[in-house]
Amino acid sequence: MKPTIVYCHELAYIVRHALQQERGTSVAVQYVGPIEFDMAGDSKLASTTKKISIRDANDTEYVITIEERTNAQKRALQQQTQEHDIKMLRHELLNCETTLQQERTLRANA
């Protein structure tokens, strides 16, 4: 079996580099911190998670997290997305029905 390559480290460097370039041209990005690794107590990686701290012009700090999703997390996200899509479709359908009813009422009163 081929080993799986995880690109979290490279992705973290790409994101950090892009943020550093923005720092010179955007007031929104005033500080870009180093890439933080999720380390276990024995100096080994606890996970593939990477974090980058940034600060804006108002001195508000943010953390950008690059985290590998497990299959269970992917399935849960797909389920949430499907449920959200169903709610949005129901809402859209209700709006269409309301609009049709309003048009019918206007025609009947005309």
N, C-alpha and C. Protein backbone atom coordinates (compact mmCIF):
# COMPACT_ATOMS: atom_id res chain seq x y z
N MET A 1 0.84 -1.18 0.00
CA MET A 1 0.00 0.00 0.00
C MET A 1 0.90 1.25 0.00
N LYS A 2 0.57 2.19 -0.88
CA LYS A 2 1.33 3.44 -0.96
C LYS A 2 1.04 4.31 0.26
N PRO A 3 2.06 4.96 0.82
CA PRO A 3 1.79 5.87 1.93
C PRO A 3 1.02 7.10 1.43
N THR A 4 0.14 7.59 2.28
CA THR A 4 -0.64 8.77 1.94
C THR A 4 0.19 10.02 2.22
N ILE A 5 0.23 10.91 1.25
CA ILE A 5 0.95 12.18 1.44
C ILE A 5 -0.04 13.21 1.94
N VAL A 6 0.31 13.88 3.02
CA VAL A 6 -0.53 14.92 3.60
C VAL A 6 0.14 16.25 3.31
N TYR A 7 -0.62 17.19 2.77
CA TYR A 7 -0.06 18.46 2.32
C TYR A 7 -0.28 19.62 3.30
N CYS A 8 -0.63 19.32 4.53
CA CYS A 8 -0.95 20.39 5.49
C CYS A 8 0.21 21.36 5.68
N HIS A 9 1.42 20.85 5.70
CA HIS A 9 2.59 21.69 5.93
C HIS A 9 2.79 22.66 4.76
N GLU A 10 2.72 22.13 3.56
CA GLU A 10 2.88 22.98 2.38
C GLU A 10 1.75 24.00 2.27
N LEU A 11 0.52 23.56 2.56
CA LEU A 11 -0.61 24.49 2.54
C LEU A 11 -0.43 25.61 3.55
N ALA A 12 0.07 25.28 4.73
CA ALA A 12 0.31 26.30 5.75
C ALA A 12 1.33 27.33 5.26
N TYR A 13 2.39 26.88 4.60
CA TYR A 13 3.39 27.81 4.06
C TYR A 13 2.80 28.69 2.96
N ILE A 14 1.95 28.12 2.11
CA ILE A 14 1.31 28.90 1.04
C ILE A 14 0.43 29.99 1.65
N VAL A 15 -0.39 29.63 2.64
CA VAL A 15 -1.28 30.60 3.28
C VAL A 15 -0.47 31.69 3.98
N ARG A 16 0.55 31.29 4.72
CA ARG A 16 1.37 32.27 5.44
C ARG A 16 2.07 33.22 4.48
N HIS A 17 2.60 32.69 3.39
CA HIS A 17 3.28 33.52 2.39
C HIS A 17 2.31 34.54 1.79
N ALA A 18 1.11 34.09 1.45
CA ALA A 18 0.10 35.00 0.89
C ALA A 18 -0.27 36.09 1.89
N LEU A 19 -0.41 35.73 3.16
CA LEU A 19 -0.72 36.72 4.20
C LEU A 19 0.41 37.73 4.37
N GLN A 20 1.63 37.25 4.32
CA GLN A 20 2.77 38.15 4.45
C GLN A 20 2.81 39.15 3.29
N GLN A 21 2.47 38.71 2.09
CA GLN A 21 2.42 39.63 0.96
C GLN A 21 1.32 40.67 1.15
N GLU A 22 0.19 40.27 1.71
CA GLU A 22 -0.91 41.20 1.98
C GLU A 22 -0.52 42.23 3.05
N ARG A 23 0.33 41.83 3.97
CA ARG A 23 0.72 42.72 5.07
C ARG A 23 1.28 44.04 4.55
N GLY A 24 1.98 44.01 3.46
CA GLY A 24 2.56 45.23 2.91
C GLY A 24 1.57 46.11 2.17
N THR A 25 0.45 45.56 1.74
CA THR A 25 -0.49 46.31 0.91
C THR A 25 -1.87 46.50 1.53
N SER A 26 -2.18 45.78 2.58
CA SER A 26 -3.51 45.82 3.18
C SER A 26 -3.44 46.26 4.63
N VAL A 27 -4.36 47.16 5.02
CA VAL A 27 -4.39 47.56 6.44
C VAL A 27 -5.02 46.46 7.29
N ALA A 28 -5.72 45.53 6.63
CA ALA A 28 -6.37 44.46 7.38
C ALA A 28 -5.37 43.50 8.00
N VAL A 29 -4.22 43.34 7.36
CA VAL A 29 -3.22 42.40 7.87
C VAL A 29 -2.01 43.19 8.34
N GLN A 30 -1.85 43.28 9.66
CA GLN A 30 -0.74 44.03 10.23
C GLN A 30 0.38 43.14 10.74
N TYR A 31 0.04 41.91 11.12
CA TYR A 31 1.03 40.98 11.67
C TYR A 31 0.68 39.57 11.22
N VAL A 32 1.69 38.82 10.84
CA VAL A 32 1.53 37.41 10.50
C VAL A 32 2.53 36.63 11.34
N GLY A 33 2.03 35.76 12.19
CA GLY A 33 2.90 34.98 13.07
C GLY A 33 3.49 33.77 12.37
N PRO A 34 4.35 33.07 13.07
CA PRO A 34 4.94 31.85 12.50
C PRO A 34 3.90 30.72 12.45
N ILE A 35 4.23 29.69 11.71
CA ILE A 35 3.37 28.51 11.67
C ILE A 35 3.57 27.74 12.97
N GLU A 36 2.47 27.48 13.66
CA GLU A 36 2.53 26.74 14.91
C GLU A 36 2.15 25.29 14.65
N PHE A 37 2.93 24.37 15.19
CA PHE A 37 2.69 22.95 15.03
C PHE A 37 2.00 22.40 16.27
N ASP A 38 1.18 21.37 16.09
CA ASP A 38 0.51 20.70 17.21
C ASP A 38 1.47 19.62 17.73
N MET A 39 2.22 19.98 18.77
CA MET A 39 3.26 19.10 19.28
C MET A 39 2.80 18.33 20.51
N ALA A 40 3.21 17.08 20.59
CA ALA A 40 2.98 16.27 21.79
C ALA A 40 4.10 16.57 22.78
N GLY A 41 3.97 16.11 23.98
CA GLY A 41 4.97 16.37 25.02
C GLY A 41 6.36 15.82 24.72
N ASP A 42 6.44 14.79 23.89
CA ASP A 42 7.72 14.16 23.60
C ASP A 42 8.37 14.68 22.32
N SER A 43 8.06 15.92 21.94
CA SER A 43 8.61 16.60 20.76
C SER A 43 8.23 15.92 19.44
N LYS A 44 7.13 15.19 19.44
CA LYS A 44 6.62 14.60 18.21
C LYS A 44 5.32 15.33 17.85
N LEU A 45 4.97 15.24 16.58
CA LEU A 45 3.72 15.87 16.15
C LEU A 45 2.53 15.11 16.73
N ALA A 46 1.64 15.84 17.39
CA ALA A 46 0.43 15.23 17.92
C ALA A 46 -0.61 15.06 16.82
N SER A 47 -0.58 15.97 15.85
CA SER A 47 -1.49 15.90 14.70
C SER A 47 -0.88 16.69 13.56
N THR A 48 -1.56 16.68 12.43
CA THR A 48 -1.09 17.44 11.27
C THR A 48 -1.60 18.88 11.29
N THR A 49 -2.29 19.27 12.34
CA THR A 49 -2.86 20.61 12.44
C THR A 49 -1.77 21.67 12.51
N LYS A 50 -1.99 22.74 11.74
CA LYS A 50 -1.10 23.90 11.74
C LYS A 50 -1.93 25.13 12.03
N LYS A 51 -1.34 26.12 12.73
CA LYS A 51 -2.05 27.36 13.04
C LYS A 51 -1.16 28.55 12.71
N ILE A 52 -1.80 29.62 12.23
CA ILE A 52 -1.10 30.86 11.92
C ILE A 52 -1.87 31.99 12.59
N SER A 53 -1.20 32.76 13.43
CA SER A 53 -1.83 33.91 14.08
C SER A 53 -1.65 35.15 13.21
N ILE A 54 -2.71 35.93 13.10
CA ILE A 54 -2.61 37.21 12.39
C ILE A 54 -3.28 38.29 13.24
N ARG A 55 -2.92 39.54 12.97
CA ARG A 55 -3.50 40.67 13.71
C ARG A 55 -3.85 41.75 12.70
N ASP A 56 -5.01 42.38 12.90
CA ASP A 56 -5.44 43.42 11.98
C ASP A 56 -5.08 44.81 12.51
N ALA A 57 -5.50 45.84 11.79
CA ALA A 57 -5.17 47.22 12.13
C ALA A 57 -5.78 47.65 13.45
N ASN A 58 -6.82 46.98 13.91
CA ASN A 58 -7.45 47.30 15.20
C ASN A 58 -6.84 46.50 16.34
N ASP A 59 -5.75 45.82 16.08
CA ASP A 59 -5.03 45.00 17.05
C ASP A 59 -5.86 43.79 17.51
N THR A 60 -6.79 43.36 16.67
CA THR A 60 -7.57 42.16 16.94
C THR A 60 -6.82 40.97 16.38
N GLU A 61 -6.68 39.92 17.18
CA GLU A 61 -5.96 38.73 16.74
C GLU A 61 -6.92 37.67 16.23
N TYR A 62 -6.46 36.94 15.23
CA TYR A 62 -7.21 35.84 14.62
C TYR A 62 -6.26 34.64 14.52
N VAL A 63 -6.84 33.47 14.42
CA VAL A 63 -6.05 32.26 14.21
C VAL A 63 -6.63 31.55 12.99
N ILE A 64 -5.77 31.28 12.04
CA ILE A 64 -6.16 30.49 10.88
C ILE A 64 -5.65 29.07 11.13
N THR A 65 -6.56 28.11 11.04
CA THR A 65 -6.21 26.72 11.32
C THR A 65 -6.29 25.89 10.05
N ILE A 66 -5.25 25.12 9.81
CA ILE A 66 -5.24 24.16 8.71
C ILE A 66 -5.26 22.79 9.37
N GLU A 67 -6.38 22.10 9.18
CA GLU A 67 -6.60 20.86 9.90
C GLU A 67 -7.12 19.80 8.94
N GLU A 68 -6.54 18.65 9.02
CA GLU A 68 -6.97 17.53 8.19
C GLU A 68 -8.30 17.01 8.71
N ARG A 69 -9.25 16.81 7.82
CA ARG A 69 -10.55 16.28 8.22
C ARG A 69 -10.54 14.76 8.15
N THR A 70 -11.14 14.14 9.16
CA THR A 70 -11.28 12.69 9.15
C THR A 70 -12.47 12.32 8.27
N ASN A 71 -12.59 11.07 7.91
CA ASN A 71 -13.73 10.63 7.11
C ASN A 71 -15.04 10.87 7.84
N ALA A 72 -15.05 10.67 9.15
CA ALA A 72 -16.28 10.92 9.94
C ALA A 72 -16.65 12.40 9.88
N GLN A 73 -15.65 13.28 9.96
CA GLN A 73 -15.91 14.72 9.87
C GLN A 73 -16.44 15.09 8.48
N LYS A 74 -15.88 14.47 7.45
CA LYS A 74 -16.35 14.72 6.09
C LYS A 74 -17.81 14.32 5.93
N ARG A 75 -18.15 13.13 6.46
CA ARG A 75 -19.53 12.65 6.36
C ARG A 75 -20.48 13.57 7.13
N ALA A 76 -20.06 14.02 8.30
CA ALA A 76 -20.90 14.92 9.09
C ALA A 76 -21.11 16.24 8.35
N LEU A 77 -20.07 16.76 7.74
CA LEU A 77 -20.17 18.00 6.98
C LEU A 77 -21.09 17.82 5.78
N GLN A 78 -20.97 16.69 5.09
CA GLN A 78 -21.86 16.42 3.95
C GLN A 78 -23.31 16.36 4.41
N GLN A 79 -23.55 15.74 5.55
CA GLN A 79 -24.91 15.64 6.08
C GLN A 79 -25.44 17.03 6.42
N GLN A 80 -24.62 17.85 7.07
CA GLN A 80 -25.04 19.22 7.41
C GLN A 80 -25.33 20.02 6.15
N THR A 81 -24.50 19.86 5.14
CA THR A 81 -24.68 20.58 3.88
C THR A 81 -25.98 20.15 3.21
N GLN A 82 -26.24 18.85 3.20
CA GLN A 82 -27.48 18.36 2.60
C GLN A 82 -28.69 18.89 3.35
N GLU A 83 -28.64 18.87 4.68
CA GLU A 83 -29.76 19.37 5.48
C GLU A 83 -29.97 20.87 5.23
N HIS A 84 -28.87 21.61 5.13
CA HIS A 84 -28.97 23.05 4.85
C HIS A 84 -29.58 23.28 3.47
N ASP A 85 -29.13 22.50 2.47
CA ASP A 85 -29.66 22.64 1.12
C ASP A 85 -31.16 22.35 1.09
N ILE A 86 -31.60 21.34 1.81
CA ILE A 86 -33.02 21.00 1.87
C ILE A 86 -33.81 22.15 2.49
N LYS A 87 -33.30 22.72 3.59
CA LYS A 87 -33.98 23.86 4.23
C LYS A 87 -34.08 25.03 3.27
N MET A 88 -32.98 25.31 2.55
CA MET A 88 -32.99 26.44 1.61
C MET A 88 -33.97 26.19 0.46
N LEU A 89 -34.03 24.96 -0.04
CA LEU A 89 -34.98 24.65 -1.10
C LEU A 89 -36.42 24.78 -0.62
N ARG A 90 -36.70 24.33 0.60
CA ARG A 90 -38.05 24.48 1.16
C ARG A 90 -38.41 25.95 1.30
N HIS A 91 -37.46 26.75 1.76
CA HIS A 91 -37.68 28.18 1.92
C HIS A 91 -37.95 28.83 0.56
N GLU A 92 -37.16 28.45 -0.45
CA GLU A 92 -37.34 28.99 -1.80
C GLU A 92 -38.69 28.58 -2.37
N LEU A 93 -39.07 27.34 -2.15
CA LEU A 93 -40.36 26.85 -2.62
C LEU A 93 -41.50 27.62 -1.96
N LEU A 94 -41.39 27.86 -0.67
CA LEU A 94 -42.40 28.63 0.05
C LEU A 94 -42.51 30.04 -0.52
N ASN A 95 -41.38 30.66 -0.81
CA ASN A 95 -41.39 32.00 -1.41
C ASN A 95 -42.06 31.99 -2.78
N CYS A 96 -41.79 30.96 -3.57
CA CYS A 96 -42.42 30.84 -4.88
C CYS A 96 -43.93 30.67 -4.75
N GLU A 97 -44.35 29.84 -3.81
CA GLU A 97 -45.78 29.62 -3.59
C GLU A 97 -46.45 30.91 -3.14
N THR A 98 -45.79 31.66 -2.28
CA THR A 98 -46.34 32.94 -1.81
C THR A 98 -46.46 33.92 -2.97
N THR A 99 -45.45 33.99 -3.81
CA THR A 99 -45.47 34.89 -4.96
C THR A 99 -46.58 34.50 -5.93
N LEU A 100 -46.73 33.19 -6.19
CA LEU A 100 -47.80 32.73 -7.07
C LEU A 100 -49.18 33.09 -6.50
N GLN A 101 -49.35 32.91 -5.21
CA GLN A 101 -50.63 33.23 -4.57
C GLN A 101 -50.92 34.72 -4.68
N GLN A 102 -49.88 35.56 -4.50
CA GLN A 102 -50.06 37.01 -4.62
C GLN A 102 -50.44 37.39 -6.05
N GLU A 103 -49.80 36.75 -7.03
CA GLU A 103 -50.12 37.02 -8.43
C GLU A 103 -51.56 36.60 -8.75
N ARG A 104 -51.98 35.46 -8.24
CA ARG A 104 -53.36 34.99 -8.46
C ARG A 104 -54.37 35.96 -7.85
N THR A 105 -54.05 36.45 -6.66
CA THR A 105 -54.94 37.40 -5.99
C THR A 105 -55.03 38.70 -6.78
N LEU A 106 -53.89 39.19 -7.29
CA LEU A 106 -53.89 40.42 -8.10
C LEU A 106 -54.70 40.24 -9.37
N ARG A 107 -54.58 39.09 -10.02
CA ARG A 107 -55.33 38.82 -11.24
C ARG A 107 -56.81 38.72 -10.96
N ALA A 108 -57.15 38.08 -9.85
CA ALA A 108 -58.56 37.92 -9.50
C ALA A 108 -59.20 39.27 -9.18
N ASN A 109 -58.44 40.18 -8.61
CA ASN A 109 -58.96 41.49 -8.24
C ASN A 109 -58.89 42.50 -9.40
N ALA A 110 -58.24 42.13 -10.49
CA ALA A 110 -58.10 43.06 -11.61
C ALA A 110 -59.31 43.11 -12.50
